[in-house]
């Protein structure tokens, strides 16, 4: 009899208890909101960088490639603004979207494929999510044909959303690249060259030759003849992009503005730009750069994915904000920072 009474009471209160549990669970879930900007590690040695759940770019560092790279680099429409390889030359397959390379390091070719050299990620320091930015910090080594570690490179990449209704879907990628000699070496030399160290291969439709795009610099000058090997604080490649839809495709104009930083050597930098869809800052165009443990090479760049054509006033605003942001440091965690091996943060004066 008592058992039957308890069963009746339990059945009577069960819906109420379940409702209370659901409300409590919902309350707990509502207390935590995932950050807007996220670093999401994936299988096959890939990392997705996202804003509001939308992938903006992806990092590839698997051993099947001679060197790491970012692809895709998506614009506001969600379509990639970069491509893998040259549209008309298979011997330029080393052009992998957005990548790090250099023509001669201590006389050794780290630019092309098939040279036996390679760049490898040995470990990541930190993946840090946030509402204002997401930050990925990794460590790379540059290895020659004999297996000798010629150079080390720390890479800090920050993904930043661009605010404002007129800039919906836009984002910026900030790079801080720190180069030091390889393990056991006193010095490494980045020899004089047009090729290195951060290169961008735009989508075919954005290129001036294979598509309908335009190269523009900070003075508003356009086209390869006026811009190649010239100095500028920034360079822009913009053009048409096809966006698929349920009613057919839509053609929009988007582009990438590539900014140099005032703290970089030789600022404003020389540029290696081509009508076929390639652009790269070339800090070593006129001189070799010696790197030592006492004098590491630190380079900062920014890639801004924007809607519409290049706008000088808007680019100046982005440049000014980039100049004001402090750089990064990677450090050991404090006692109040458990569950991590490293921390990455902006350096506050």
Protein backbone atom coordinates (compact mmCIF):
# COMPACT_ATOMS: atom_id res chain seq x y z
CA UNK A 1 0.00 0.00 0.00
CA UNK A 2 2.80 2.35 0.91
CA UNK A 3 4.62 1.36 -2.27
CA UNK A 4 1.56 2.16 -4.36
CA UNK A 5 1.17 5.54 -2.63
CA UNK A 6 4.80 6.43 -3.29
CA UNK A 7 4.39 5.42 -6.92
CA UNK A 8 1.37 7.69 -7.26
CA UNK A 9 3.22 10.61 -5.64
CA UNK A 10 6.29 10.04 -7.84
CA UNK A 11 4.16 9.95 -10.97
CA UNK A 12 2.43 13.12 -9.84
CA UNK A 13 5.67 15.04 -9.26
CA UNK A 14 7.72 13.58 -12.12
CA UNK A 15 6.63 16.13 -14.76
CA UNK A 16 7.31 18.98 -12.36
CA UNK A 17 10.75 17.59 -11.51
CA UNK A 18 11.62 17.16 -15.20
CA UNK A 19 10.46 20.70 -15.93
CA UNK A 20 12.57 22.05 -13.06
CA UNK A 21 15.61 20.11 -14.30
CA UNK A 22 15.16 21.40 -17.83
CA UNK A 23 14.86 25.00 -16.63
CA UNK A 24 17.97 24.59 -14.49
CA UNK A 25 19.90 23.08 -17.41
CA UNK A 26 18.72 25.82 -19.73
CA UNK A 27 19.75 28.41 -17.19
CA UNK A 28 23.23 26.95 -16.99
CA UNK A 29 23.51 26.86 -20.79
CA UNK A 30 22.37 30.45 -21.08
CA UNK A 31 25.04 31.57 -18.62
CA UNK A 32 27.76 30.55 -21.10
CA UNK A 33 27.93 32.05 -24.56
CA UNK A 34 30.61 30.74 -26.96
CA UNK A 35 32.98 33.54 -28.05
CA UNK A 36 32.37 35.16 -31.42
CA UNK A 37 35.84 34.33 -32.69
CA UNK A 38 37.06 30.74 -32.44
CA UNK A 39 40.07 28.58 -33.28
CA UNK A 40 38.81 25.07 -34.08
CA UNK A 41 41.38 22.25 -34.54
CA UNK A 42 40.33 19.70 -37.16
CA UNK A 43 41.49 16.29 -38.34
CA UNK A 44 44.33 15.88 -40.88
CA UNK A 45 46.47 18.68 -39.40
CA UNK A 46 44.09 21.53 -40.14
CA UNK A 47 42.79 24.42 -38.03
CA UNK A 48 39.65 26.42 -38.81
CA UNK A 49 39.45 30.11 -37.82
CA UNK A 50 35.85 31.25 -37.45
CA UNK A 51 33.69 34.28 -36.65
CA UNK A 52 30.10 33.68 -35.52
CA UNK A 53 30.47 30.07 -36.63
CA UNK A 54 31.52 30.99 -40.18
CA UNK A 55 34.95 29.87 -41.35
CA UNK A 56 37.12 32.77 -42.50
CA UNK A 57 40.29 30.84 -43.23
CA UNK A 58 41.92 27.46 -42.59
CA UNK A 59 45.49 26.58 -41.63
CA UNK A 60 47.09 23.47 -43.22
CA UNK A 61 50.33 22.12 -41.72
CA UNK A 62 50.41 18.44 -42.69
CA UNK A 63 53.64 16.76 -43.79
CA UNK A 64 52.18 16.06 -47.25
CA UNK A 65 52.99 19.69 -48.15
CA UNK A 66 56.48 21.27 -48.36
CA UNK A 67 55.33 24.16 -46.18
CA UNK A 68 52.18 25.26 -44.29
CA UNK A 69 49.58 27.58 -45.79
CA UNK A 70 46.13 29.12 -45.31
CA UNK A 71 43.27 28.09 -47.59
CA UNK A 72 40.56 29.11 -48.09
CA UNK A 73 40.73 32.82 -47.28
CA UNK A 74 37.03 33.66 -47.45
CA UNK A 75 35.60 37.08 -48.17
CA UNK A 76 32.40 38.64 -46.80
CA UNK A 77 30.33 36.60 -49.27
CA UNK A 78 31.74 33.35 -47.87
CA UNK A 79 33.57 32.57 -51.12
CA UNK A 80 37.36 32.29 -51.15
CA UNK A 81 39.38 35.28 -52.32
CA UNK A 82 42.50 33.15 -52.84
CA UNK A 83 43.36 30.04 -54.85
CA UNK A 84 45.75 27.09 -54.86
CA UNK A 85 48.34 27.50 -57.60
CA UNK A 86 48.78 29.69 -60.65
CA UNK A 87 45.86 29.80 -63.15
CA UNK A 88 48.14 29.16 -66.12
CA UNK A 89 51.40 27.58 -64.96
CA UNK A 90 51.72 24.21 -63.21
CA UNK A 91 55.32 25.02 -62.23
CA UNK A 92 53.85 27.58 -59.80
CA UNK A 93 51.94 25.07 -57.68
CA UNK A 94 54.00 26.28 -54.72
CA UNK A 95 51.68 29.31 -54.75
CA UNK A 96 49.34 28.02 -52.06
CA UNK A 97 46.82 30.77 -51.29
CA UNK A 98 48.52 32.52 -48.33
CA UNK A 99 51.87 31.09 -47.29
CA UNK A 100 55.33 31.68 -45.80
CA UNK A 101 58.48 31.17 -47.89
CA UNK A 102 61.74 32.82 -48.94
CA UNK A 103 63.84 32.39 -52.07
CA UNK A 104 67.26 32.04 -50.42
CA UNK A 105 68.00 31.34 -46.75
CA UNK A 106 71.78 30.97 -46.31
CA UNK A 107 71.87 30.37 -50.08
CA UNK A 108 69.23 27.61 -49.93
CA UNK A 109 65.94 27.77 -51.86
CA UNK A 110 62.92 27.71 -49.54
CA UNK A 111 60.59 29.12 -52.19
CA UNK A 112 59.89 26.52 -54.84
CA UNK A 113 58.68 22.94 -54.63
CA UNK A 114 60.98 20.03 -55.40
CA UNK A 115 64.05 21.58 -53.75
CA UNK A 116 64.12 19.15 -50.82
CA UNK A 117 63.66 21.98 -48.32
CA UNK A 118 60.64 22.05 -46.06
CA UNK A 119 58.97 24.10 -43.34
CA UNK A 120 57.42 22.12 -40.52
CA UNK A 121 55.19 23.01 -37.60
CA UNK A 122 56.67 21.34 -34.53
CA UNK A 123 53.97 22.42 -32.07
CA UNK A 124 51.31 24.98 -31.31
CA UNK A 125 51.60 27.29 -28.31
CA UNK A 126 48.03 28.44 -27.83
CA UNK A 127 44.60 28.56 -29.43
CA UNK A 128 42.73 31.43 -27.73
CA UNK A 129 39.10 32.27 -28.49
CA UNK A 130 37.47 35.63 -27.76
CA UNK A 131 34.74 38.08 -28.70
CA UNK A 132 37.17 40.70 -30.02
CA UNK A 133 39.70 38.35 -31.62
CA UNK A 134 40.82 34.73 -31.80
CA UNK A 135 44.55 34.05 -31.66
CA UNK A 136 46.59 31.08 -32.91
CA UNK A 137 50.29 30.83 -32.01
CA UNK A 138 52.51 28.11 -33.50
CA UNK A 139 56.20 27.25 -33.94
CA UNK A 140 57.77 26.41 -37.32
CA UNK A 141 61.24 25.19 -38.31
CA UNK A 142 62.89 25.67 -41.72
CA UNK A 143 64.85 22.53 -42.66
CA UNK A 144 67.30 22.20 -45.57
CA UNK A 145 67.89 19.22 -47.90
CA UNK A 146 70.35 17.66 -45.43
CA UNK A 147 67.93 17.82 -42.53
CA UNK A 148 69.66 20.83 -40.94
CA UNK A 149 67.42 23.27 -39.10
CA UNK A 150 68.32 26.60 -40.67
CA UNK A 151 65.73 28.86 -39.10
CA UNK A 152 62.95 28.96 -36.53
CA UNK A 153 59.75 30.93 -36.91
CA UNK A 154 57.09 31.80 -34.35
CA UNK A 155 53.75 32.59 -35.97
CA UNK A 156 51.02 34.52 -34.17
CA UNK A 157 47.80 34.99 -36.15
CA UNK A 158 44.85 37.02 -34.89
CA UNK A 159 41.40 36.86 -36.52
CA UNK A 160 39.48 40.10 -35.98
CA UNK A 161 35.87 40.89 -36.94
CA UNK A 162 35.21 44.26 -38.58
CA UNK A 163 32.37 46.14 -36.92
CA UNK A 164 29.68 48.23 -38.60
CA UNK A 165 26.67 47.43 -40.80
CA UNK A 166 28.42 48.67 -43.94
CA UNK A 167 31.24 46.19 -43.26
CA UNK A 168 29.12 43.13 -42.45
CA UNK A 169 31.05 39.90 -42.94
CA UNK A 170 34.40 41.62 -43.30
CA UNK A 171 37.38 40.53 -41.24
CA UNK A 172 41.10 41.07 -40.82
CA UNK A 173 43.97 38.65 -40.25
CA UNK A 174 46.89 40.07 -38.31
CA UNK A 175 50.29 38.36 -38.51
CA UNK A 176 53.28 38.60 -36.21
CA UNK A 177 56.22 36.58 -37.55
CA UNK A 178 59.38 36.19 -35.46
CA UNK A 179 62.48 34.62 -37.07
CA UNK A 180 65.54 33.26 -35.23
CA UNK A 181 68.49 31.06 -36.25
CA UNK A 182 67.95 27.31 -36.19
CA UNK A 183 68.93 25.23 -33.17
CA UNK A 184 72.68 25.46 -32.56
CA UNK A 185 73.25 28.22 -35.13
CA UNK A 186 74.51 31.72 -34.40
CA UNK A 187 73.14 33.50 -37.45
CA UNK A 188 70.93 33.01 -40.47
CA UNK A 189 70.72 35.27 -43.53
CA UNK A 190 67.63 35.99 -45.57
CA UNK A 191 69.31 36.89 -48.84
CA UNK A 192 68.28 39.76 -51.07
CA UNK A 193 65.23 38.75 -53.09
CA UNK A 194 61.77 39.77 -54.32
CA UNK A 195 60.35 36.46 -53.06
CA UNK A 196 59.45 36.36 -49.38
CA UNK A 197 58.23 36.10 -46.74
CA UNK A 198 54.39 36.35 -46.73
CA UNK A 199 52.80 35.77 -50.13
CA UNK A 200 49.22 35.91 -51.42
CA UNK A 201 47.79 34.28 -54.56
CA UNK A 202 44.33 35.73 -55.26
CA UNK A 203 41.42 33.96 -56.97
CA UNK A 204 41.62 33.92 -60.76
CA UNK A 205 38.60 36.21 -61.14
CA UNK A 206 40.28 38.83 -58.93
CA UNK A 207 43.55 38.83 -60.89
CA UNK A 208 44.02 41.61 -63.43
CA UNK A 209 45.08 39.26 -66.26
CA UNK A 210 42.94 36.13 -65.76
CA UNK A 211 39.94 38.00 -64.35
CA UNK A 212 38.59 41.50 -63.89
CA UNK A 213 40.56 42.64 -60.87
CA UNK A 214 42.75 45.64 -60.09
CA UNK A 215 45.91 46.29 -58.12
CA UNK A 216 45.84 49.55 -56.12
CA UNK A 217 48.35 51.13 -53.73
CA UNK A 218 48.10 53.74 -50.97
CA UNK A 219 48.43 56.61 -53.46
CA UNK A 220 45.56 55.31 -55.62
CA UNK A 221 47.91 54.20 -58.42
CA UNK A 222 46.77 51.08 -60.26
CA UNK A 223 48.33 48.30 -62.32
CA UNK A 224 51.54 46.26 -62.22
CA UNK A 225 53.70 48.67 -64.29
CA UNK A 226 53.18 51.46 -61.75
CA UNK A 227 53.34 49.30 -58.62
CA UNK A 228 55.84 46.48 -59.14
CA UNK A 229 58.98 46.92 -56.98
CA UNK A 230 57.67 50.25 -55.69
CA UNK A 231 57.21 51.21 -52.06
CA UNK A 232 53.81 51.57 -50.44
CA UNK A 233 52.25 51.27 -46.99
CA UNK A 234 49.63 48.90 -48.35
CA UNK A 235 48.56 47.08 -51.49
CA UNK A 236 45.08 46.00 -52.57
CA UNK A 237 43.82 43.36 -55.01
CA UNK A 238 40.06 43.57 -55.67
CA UNK A 239 37.76 42.11 -58.29
CA UNK A 240 34.61 40.12 -59.09
CA UNK A 241 33.61 37.00 -57.16
CA UNK A 242 30.80 34.61 -58.14
CA UNK A 243 28.49 33.71 -55.24
CA UNK A 244 26.14 30.72 -55.75
CA UNK A 245 22.48 30.97 -54.75
CA UNK A 246 19.17 29.18 -55.11
CA UNK A 247 18.19 31.45 -58.01
CA UNK A 248 21.57 31.28 -59.70
CA UNK A 249 24.83 33.03 -59.03
CA UNK A 250 25.40 36.64 -58.03
CA UNK A 251 28.53 38.58 -58.95
CA UNK A 252 29.94 40.77 -56.16
CA UNK A 253 33.15 42.73 -55.82
CA UNK A 254 35.49 41.88 -52.95
CA UNK A 255 39.19 42.10 -52.25
CA UNK A 256 42.19 41.82 -49.96
CA UNK A 257 44.15 44.79 -48.68
CA UNK A 258 47.66 43.82 -47.52
CA UNK A 259 49.19 46.21 -44.96
CA UNK A 260 52.80 46.72 -43.94
CA UNK A 261 53.59 47.84 -40.36
CA UNK A 262 55.72 50.86 -39.40
CA UNK A 263 57.93 48.71 -37.16
CA UNK A 264 58.97 46.47 -40.05
CA UNK A 265 62.44 47.03 -41.54
CA UNK A 266 62.41 49.22 -44.65
CA UNK A 267 58.89 50.55 -44.03
CA UNK A 268 57.11 51.33 -46.26
CA UNK A 269 58.04 48.08 -47.94
CA UNK A 270 58.73 47.32 -51.59
CA UNK A 271 56.11 45.15 -53.28
CA UNK A 272 56.32 42.23 -55.68
CA UNK A 273 52.98 42.34 -57.50
CA UNK A 274 51.82 40.75 -60.73
CA UNK A 275 48.87 41.11 -63.10
CA UNK A 276 48.44 37.32 -62.93
CA UNK A 277 47.14 37.55 -59.35
CA UNK A 278 50.10 37.55 -56.99
CA UNK A 279 51.20 40.05 -54.37
CA UNK A 280 53.77 39.98 -51.61
CA UNK A 281 55.56 42.43 -49.36
CA UNK A 282 59.31 42.16 -50.04
CA UNK A 283 61.31 43.48 -47.07
CA UNK A 284 64.47 41.97 -48.56
CA UNK A 285 64.04 43.33 -52.09
CA UNK A 286 66.97 45.73 -51.83
CA UNK A 287 69.08 44.19 -49.09
CA UNK A 288 69.79 40.95 -47.25
CA UNK A 289 68.59 40.60 -43.66
CA UNK A 290 70.81 39.00 -41.01
CA UNK A 291 69.02 37.32 -38.12
CA UNK A 292 70.55 36.30 -34.80
CA UNK A 293 69.28 35.34 -31.34
CA UNK A 294 70.27 38.81 -30.15
CA UNK A 295 68.57 40.46 -33.12
CA UNK A 296 65.56 38.37 -34.21
CA UNK A 297 63.55 39.54 -37.19
CA UNK A 298 59.99 40.51 -36.26
CA UNK A 299 57.53 41.29 -39.06
CA UNK A 300 53.91 42.38 -38.68
CA UNK A 301 51.36 42.35 -41.51
CA UNK A 302 47.59 42.56 -41.89
CA UNK A 303 45.25 41.12 -44.53
CA UNK A 304 41.84 42.81 -44.68
CA UNK A 305 39.01 40.99 -46.50
CA UNK A 306 36.58 43.66 -47.66
CA UNK A 307 33.45 44.22 -49.74
CA UNK A 308 33.52 46.40 -52.82
CA UNK A 309 36.55 47.94 -54.54
CA UNK A 310 39.58 49.38 -52.77
CA UNK A 311 38.72 52.57 -50.89
CA UNK A 312 41.65 54.77 -49.87
CA UNK A 313 39.88 56.39 -46.92
CA UNK A 314 38.72 53.05 -45.54
CA UNK A 315 42.18 51.52 -45.98
CA UNK A 316 43.71 54.42 -44.05
CA UNK A 317 41.31 53.75 -41.17
CA UNK A 318 42.27 50.08 -41.08
CA UNK A 319 45.97 50.99 -41.29
CA UNK A 320 45.67 53.43 -38.37
CA UNK A 321 43.92 50.85 -36.18
CA UNK A 322 46.60 48.27 -37.06
CA UNK A 323 49.37 50.71 -36.12
CA UNK A 324 47.79 51.38 -32.72
CA UNK A 325 47.35 47.74 -31.73
CA UNK A 326 50.25 46.35 -29.68
CA UNK A 327 52.05 43.22 -30.80
CA UNK A 328 52.04 39.81 -29.13
CA UNK A 329 54.17 37.80 -26.79
CA UNK A 330 54.10 34.10 -26.00
CA UNK A 331 54.82 33.29 -22.37
CA UNK A 332 54.53 30.63 -19.71
CA UNK A 333 51.15 30.58 -17.91
CA UNK A 334 50.70 32.07 -14.46
CA UNK A 335 49.47 30.23 -11.37
CA UNK A 336 45.96 31.50 -12.05
CA UNK A 337 46.02 30.16 -15.64
CA UNK A 338 45.62 26.37 -15.34
CA UNK A 339 45.16 23.79 -18.09
CA UNK A 340 47.57 25.33 -20.59
CA UNK A 341 51.26 25.11 -21.43
CA UNK A 342 51.62 28.59 -22.94
CA UNK A 343 49.71 31.84 -23.07
CA UNK A 344 49.68 34.41 -25.88
CA UNK A 345 48.73 38.00 -25.21
CA UNK A 346 49.11 41.49 -26.61
CA UNK A 347 51.99 43.40 -25.08
CA UNK A 348 50.64 46.25 -22.97
CA UNK A 349 53.05 49.07 -22.21
